[in-house]
Amino acid sequence: MHRNVTSAPLAGTIVVHGLARKVAGLSWLLAVCFGDHVAQPARPVLEVSMFVLDSRLEQDTLVLGDFPLCRLLLMNDAQYPWFILVPRREEVSELFQLDAADQQALWRETTSLAETVKDTFRADKMNVATLGNVVGQLHMHVIARRRDDAAWPAPVWGRHPAKPYSDEQVAAIRSKLKLVLTDHFRFGE
């Protein structure tokens, strides 16, 4: 099974499967116990964070790329411009499980994406939600709604069977987004 794995480096710590606090705590303990006798690295140590996308999201979406915090996915349903932001953090299912900086980053990325999508896809209304009843991994839906879409005015969930995008349609969406997403976004392949 293919798994999406991303490294997210932060200065000064080592993180493997969410152990940042333990490593930082160990550094503090060593400094208290041994003082100046503990060698300090000349440069920050590379942090490695293993991010694995939930298999259901992987199955139902197409990867577009990465913001500083979130992986950007396109729901593979051509009836709606439906995007999903997934924070690249391990074992997070609720907004409050993110630290304060990540909460702010998620909100910035969500609102920025929603505004961009509304303008780019000429939406009448943006639907932005995090539910997590089926997929436990924290993810934010950003859906452009139009009065003439297949489900309007009802929610998109479970209304109609998905109609997968063609390769040409995905290429067109990528082209549109490349014109409007900032340099804080890195497109995937």
Protein backbone atom coordinates (compact mmCIF):
# COMPACT_ATOMS: atom_id res chain seq x y z
CA MET A 1 0.00 0.00 0.00
CA HIS A 2 1.35 3.44 -0.94
CA ARG A 3 1.56 5.84 1.99
CA ASN A 4 2.03 9.59 1.79
CA VAL A 5 4.99 10.49 4.02
CA THR A 6 6.23 14.02 4.56
CA SER A 7 9.02 15.43 6.65
CA ALA A 8 8.37 18.72 8.41
CA PRO A 9 11.63 20.11 9.84
CA LEU A 10 11.68 22.44 12.85
CA ALA A 11 14.88 23.81 14.30
CA GLY A 12 16.48 22.40 17.41
CA THR A 13 14.61 19.14 18.07
CA ILE A 14 14.18 15.65 16.76
CA VAL A 15 10.66 14.35 16.27
CA VAL A 16 9.73 10.83 15.33
CA HIS A 17 6.03 9.99 15.62
CA GLY A 18 5.27 13.01 17.81
CA LEU A 19 8.14 12.79 20.33
CA ALA A 20 9.20 16.46 20.12
CA ARG A 21 8.25 17.27 23.70
CA LYS A 22 10.04 14.21 25.06
CA VAL A 23 13.27 15.10 23.24
CA ALA A 24 13.02 18.75 24.29
CA GLY A 25 12.42 17.61 27.87
CA LEU A 26 15.45 15.32 27.74
CA SER A 27 17.66 18.18 26.52
CA TRP A 28 16.46 20.31 29.43
CA LEU A 29 17.08 17.48 31.92
CA LEU A 30 20.61 16.90 30.61
CA ALA A 31 21.37 20.62 30.84
CA VAL A 32 20.14 20.75 34.46
CA CYS A 33 22.08 17.62 35.49
CA PHE A 34 25.33 18.24 33.64
CA GLY A 35 25.33 21.98 32.98
CA ASP A 36 28.06 23.15 30.61
CA HIS A 37 29.42 19.62 30.27
CA VAL A 38 26.73 18.75 27.73
CA ALA A 39 27.85 19.46 24.19
CA GLN A 40 25.44 21.65 22.27
CA PRO A 41 25.10 21.06 18.53
CA ALA A 42 26.62 23.73 16.31
CA ARG A 43 23.42 23.78 14.20
CA PRO A 44 19.86 22.70 14.80
CA VAL A 45 19.20 18.99 14.48
CA LEU A 46 16.90 18.00 11.61
CA GLU A 47 13.41 17.10 12.77
CA VAL A 48 11.74 14.16 11.10
CA SER A 49 7.96 13.90 11.38
CA MET A 50 6.20 11.00 9.73
CA PHE A 51 2.88 12.09 8.25
CA VAL A 52 0.58 9.40 6.91
CA LEU A 53 -2.63 10.35 5.13
CA ASP A 54 -5.72 8.39 6.19
CA SER A 55 -6.41 5.62 3.67
CA ARG A 56 -9.96 6.84 3.00
CA LEU A 57 -8.74 10.33 2.17
CA GLU A 58 -6.01 8.83 0.02
CA GLN A 59 -8.60 6.74 -1.85
CA ASP A 60 -11.14 9.54 -2.44
CA THR A 61 -8.86 12.49 -3.22
CA LEU A 62 -6.04 13.74 -5.41
CA VAL A 63 -2.98 15.36 -3.82
CA LEU A 64 -2.39 18.91 -5.05
CA GLY A 65 0.48 19.95 -2.78
CA ASP A 66 1.40 21.47 0.57
CA PHE A 67 0.92 24.68 2.50
CA PRO A 68 3.32 25.21 5.43
CA LEU A 69 1.02 23.18 7.74
CA CYS A 70 -1.51 21.37 5.58
CA ARG A 71 -1.57 18.95 2.69
CA LEU A 72 -4.06 20.19 0.07
CA LEU A 73 -6.28 17.55 -1.50
CA LEU A 74 -8.93 17.72 -4.22
CA MET A 75 -11.98 15.53 -3.62
CA ASN A 76 -12.28 13.37 -6.72
CA ASP A 77 -15.83 14.52 -7.50
CA ALA A 78 -16.19 16.82 -10.50
CA GLN A 79 -19.64 18.01 -9.37
CA TYR A 80 -18.10 20.48 -6.89
CA PRO A 81 -14.78 22.30 -6.47
CA TRP A 82 -14.16 20.49 -3.17
CA PHE A 83 -10.83 20.85 -1.42
CA ILE A 84 -9.57 19.30 1.80
CA LEU A 85 -6.82 20.60 4.07
CA VAL A 86 -5.10 18.02 6.29
CA PRO A 87 -2.63 19.24 8.93
CA ARG A 88 0.57 17.22 8.59
CA ARG A 89 0.59 16.22 12.25
CA GLU A 90 0.45 12.73 13.71
CA GLU A 91 -2.54 11.42 15.65
CA VAL A 92 -4.61 14.62 15.60
CA SER A 93 -8.37 14.25 15.30
CA GLU A 94 -9.63 17.47 16.92
CA LEU A 95 -8.81 21.15 16.39
CA PHE A 96 -7.93 21.63 20.06
CA GLN A 97 -5.26 18.92 19.84
CA LEU A 98 -3.15 21.24 17.68
CA ASP A 99 -0.86 23.63 19.53
CA ALA A 100 -1.77 27.33 19.37
CA ALA A 101 0.59 28.08 16.48
CA ASP A 102 -0.80 25.21 14.40
CA GLN A 103 -4.39 26.26 15.19
CA GLN A 104 -3.62 29.74 13.87
CA ALA A 105 -1.82 28.34 10.83
CA LEU A 106 -4.76 26.04 10.03
CA TRP A 107 -7.20 28.94 10.25
CA ARG A 108 -4.97 31.17 8.05
CA GLU A 109 -4.59 28.43 5.43
CA THR A 110 -8.32 27.63 5.53
CA THR A 111 -9.54 31.22 5.18
CA SER A 112 -6.95 32.03 2.53
CA LEU A 113 -7.88 28.94 0.52
CA ALA A 114 -11.62 29.63 0.91
CA GLU A 115 -11.23 33.19 -0.37
CA THR A 116 -9.06 32.05 -3.28
CA VAL A 117 -11.44 29.23 -4.23
CA LYS A 118 -14.51 31.50 -3.99
CA ASP A 119 -12.95 33.97 -6.44
CA THR A 120 -11.32 31.41 -8.73
CA PHE A 121 -14.33 29.10 -9.08
CA ARG A 122 -17.00 31.84 -8.87
CA ALA A 123 -18.78 30.31 -5.88
CA ASP A 124 -22.07 31.67 -4.60
CA LYS A 125 -21.28 30.33 -1.12
CA MET A 126 -18.32 28.63 0.55
CA ASN A 127 -18.92 25.62 2.79
CA VAL A 128 -16.09 25.21 5.31
CA ALA A 129 -16.32 22.39 7.84
CA THR A 130 -14.49 19.82 9.88
CA LEU A 131 -16.58 16.80 10.82
CA GLY A 132 -14.47 13.67 11.28
CA ASN A 133 -17.30 11.24 11.93
CA VAL A 134 -16.14 8.86 9.17
CA VAL A 135 -12.45 9.82 8.83
CA GLY A 136 -10.88 10.43 12.22
CA GLN A 137 -7.80 12.28 10.94
CA LEU A 138 -8.31 16.03 11.34
CA HIS A 139 -9.19 17.58 8.00
CA MET A 140 -10.98 20.74 6.86
CA HIS A 141 -13.43 20.70 3.94
CA VAL A 142 -13.42 23.83 1.75
CA ILE A 143 -16.21 23.48 -0.82
CA ALA A 144 -17.23 26.01 -3.46
CA ARG A 145 -21.01 25.92 -3.84
CA ARG A 146 -23.05 27.31 -6.70
CA ARG A 147 -26.79 27.68 -6.96
CA ASP A 148 -26.72 25.41 -10.02
CA ASP A 149 -24.64 22.59 -8.47
CA ALA A 150 -26.03 19.06 -8.13
CA ALA A 151 -26.87 19.30 -4.42
CA TRP A 152 -27.79 22.98 -3.92
CA PRO A 153 -28.95 24.07 -1.36
CA ALA A 154 -28.43 20.82 0.60
CA PRO A 155 -25.03 19.66 1.89
CA VAL A 156 -22.86 17.78 -0.63
CA TRP A 157 -22.34 14.71 1.57
CA GLY A 158 -24.21 11.66 0.35
CA ARG A 159 -26.44 13.52 -2.11
CA HIS A 160 -25.17 12.05 -5.38
CA PRO A 161 -22.56 9.44 -6.32
CA ALA A 162 -19.17 11.01 -7.02
CA LYS A 163 -18.25 11.70 -10.64
CA PRO A 164 -14.45 11.40 -10.90
CA TYR A 165 -12.45 14.12 -12.61
CA SER A 166 -10.86 13.46 -15.98
CA ASP A 167 -7.11 14.05 -16.28
CA GLU A 168 -7.88 17.16 -18.34
CA GLN A 169 -10.18 18.56 -15.64
CA VAL A 170 -7.54 18.02 -12.94
CA ALA A 171 -4.92 19.72 -15.13
CA ALA A 172 -7.28 22.70 -15.59
CA ILE A 173 -7.81 23.01 -11.82
CA ARG A 174 -4.06 22.82 -11.20
CA SER A 175 -3.49 25.52 -13.84
CA LYS A 176 -6.07 27.81 -12.24
CA LEU A 177 -4.57 27.31 -8.79
CA LYS A 178 -1.01 27.89 -10.01
CA LEU A 179 -2.10 31.38 -11.03
CA VAL A 180 -3.54 32.29 -7.63
CA LEU A 181 -1.85 30.36 -4.81
CA THR A 182 0.98 32.20 -3.08
CA ASP A 183 4.60 31.19 -2.88
CA HIS A 184 3.74 29.64 0.51
CA PHE A 185 2.22 26.73 -1.41
CA ARG A 186 4.28 23.94 -2.97
CA PHE A 187 2.57 21.95 -5.72
CA GLY A 188 2.94 18.17 -5.71
CA GLU A 189 3.57 16.08 -8.78
